[in-house]
Amino acid sequence: MRLYRVTCKGMTSIIGGESTAHGCVYVVAYDPSEAYRMVRAYLDKHGWGFPKDRAMDRVELLAEEGLYPDCGYHLLREG
């Protein structure tokens, strides 16, 4: 498993009384495509933002499981 930060085209800052930047989400997934699919499904389900705001801007690998992760940062999960 890997930890990704998925950033969408919109909804990436907290303004106008919003308490959450829905367009910048941390996701544990197996690959970047799955990470974006999870975020997009979540945003679509709740109807947050316009479709253009929900489009992917970037997916960044932040950490991964294993003794010597390729990205250089460990992801620890219970179990």
Protein backbone atom coordinates (compact mmCIF):
# COMPACT_ATOMS: atom_id res chain seq x y z
CA MET A 1 0.00 0.00 0.00
CA ARG A 2 1.03 3.56 -0.64
CA LEU A 3 0.03 6.97 0.65
CA TYR A 4 -0.82 9.51 -2.05
CA ARG A 5 -1.85 13.16 -2.01
CA VAL A 6 -4.44 13.72 -4.73
CA THR A 7 -4.91 17.33 -5.80
CA CYS A 8 -7.84 18.31 -7.99
CA LYS A 9 -8.17 21.35 -10.26
CA GLY A 10 -10.43 23.12 -7.77
CA MET A 11 -11.52 23.15 -4.13
CA THR A 12 -7.91 23.20 -2.90
CA SER A 13 -8.14 26.01 -0.37
CA ILE A 14 -10.32 26.88 2.60
CA ILE A 15 -12.33 30.01 1.81
CA GLY A 16 -15.78 31.43 2.36
CA GLY A 17 -16.57 29.56 5.56
CA GLU A 18 -15.60 26.13 4.22
CA SER A 19 -13.80 24.05 6.81
CA THR A 20 -12.29 21.50 4.41
CA ALA A 21 -10.31 21.71 1.17
CA HIS A 22 -12.16 18.88 -0.60
CA GLY A 23 -9.85 19.09 -3.62
CA CYS A 24 -6.71 18.05 -1.73
CA VAL A 25 -7.07 14.56 -0.26
CA TYR A 26 -4.70 11.99 1.28
CA VAL A 27 -5.46 8.43 0.13
CA VAL A 28 -4.06 4.98 0.91
CA ALA A 29 -4.20 2.94 -2.30
CA TYR A 30 -2.21 0.47 -4.38
CA ASP A 31 -1.53 2.82 -7.30
CA PRO A 32 -2.13 6.44 -8.39
CA SER A 33 -5.05 5.56 -10.67
CA GLU A 34 -6.89 3.87 -7.82
CA ALA A 35 -6.15 6.85 -5.55
CA TYR A 36 -7.74 9.30 -8.00
CA ARG A 37 -10.72 7.00 -8.64
CA MET A 38 -11.37 6.88 -4.89
CA VAL A 39 -11.25 10.66 -4.57
CA ARG A 40 -13.39 11.26 -7.67
CA ALA A 41 -16.03 8.77 -6.50
CA TYR A 42 -16.13 10.45 -3.08
CA LEU A 43 -16.49 13.95 -4.54
CA ASP A 44 -19.14 12.78 -7.03
CA LYS A 45 -21.11 10.99 -4.30
CA HIS A 46 -21.29 14.13 -2.16
CA GLY A 47 -21.73 16.51 -5.09
CA TRP A 48 -18.87 18.77 -4.06
CA GLY A 49 -17.57 21.23 -6.63
CA PHE A 50 -18.26 21.45 -10.33
CA PRO A 51 -17.11 18.58 -12.59
CA LYS A 52 -14.16 20.70 -13.80
CA ASP A 53 -13.09 21.23 -10.15
CA ARG A 54 -13.07 17.47 -9.56
CA ALA A 55 -10.65 16.81 -12.44
CA MET A 56 -7.21 15.59 -11.39
CA ASP A 57 -4.36 18.07 -11.25
CA ARG A 58 -1.72 15.74 -9.76
CA VAL A 59 -1.17 12.63 -7.67
CA GLU A 60 1.93 12.56 -5.47
CA LEU A 61 3.45 9.49 -3.80
CA LEU A 62 4.24 10.42 -0.20
CA ALA A 63 5.05 7.11 1.51
CA GLU A 64 4.89 3.35 0.97
CA GLU A 65 5.12 0.12 2.90
CA GLY A 66 8.32 -1.89 3.06
CA LEU A 67 11.76 -1.82 4.62
CA TYR A 68 13.30 0.22 1.81
CA PRO A 69 10.55 2.19 0.07
CA ASP A 70 11.46 3.59 -3.35
CA CYS A 71 10.05 7.01 -2.47
CA GLY A 72 12.22 7.21 0.65
CA TYR A 73 9.41 7.47 3.21
CA HIS A 74 7.76 4.69 5.23
CA LEU A 75 4.04 4.06 5.49
CA LEU A 76 3.20 2.13 8.64
CA ARG A 77 -0.15 0.46 9.07
CA GLU A 78 -1.45 -1.50 11.99
CA GLY A 79 -1.70 -5.21 11.40
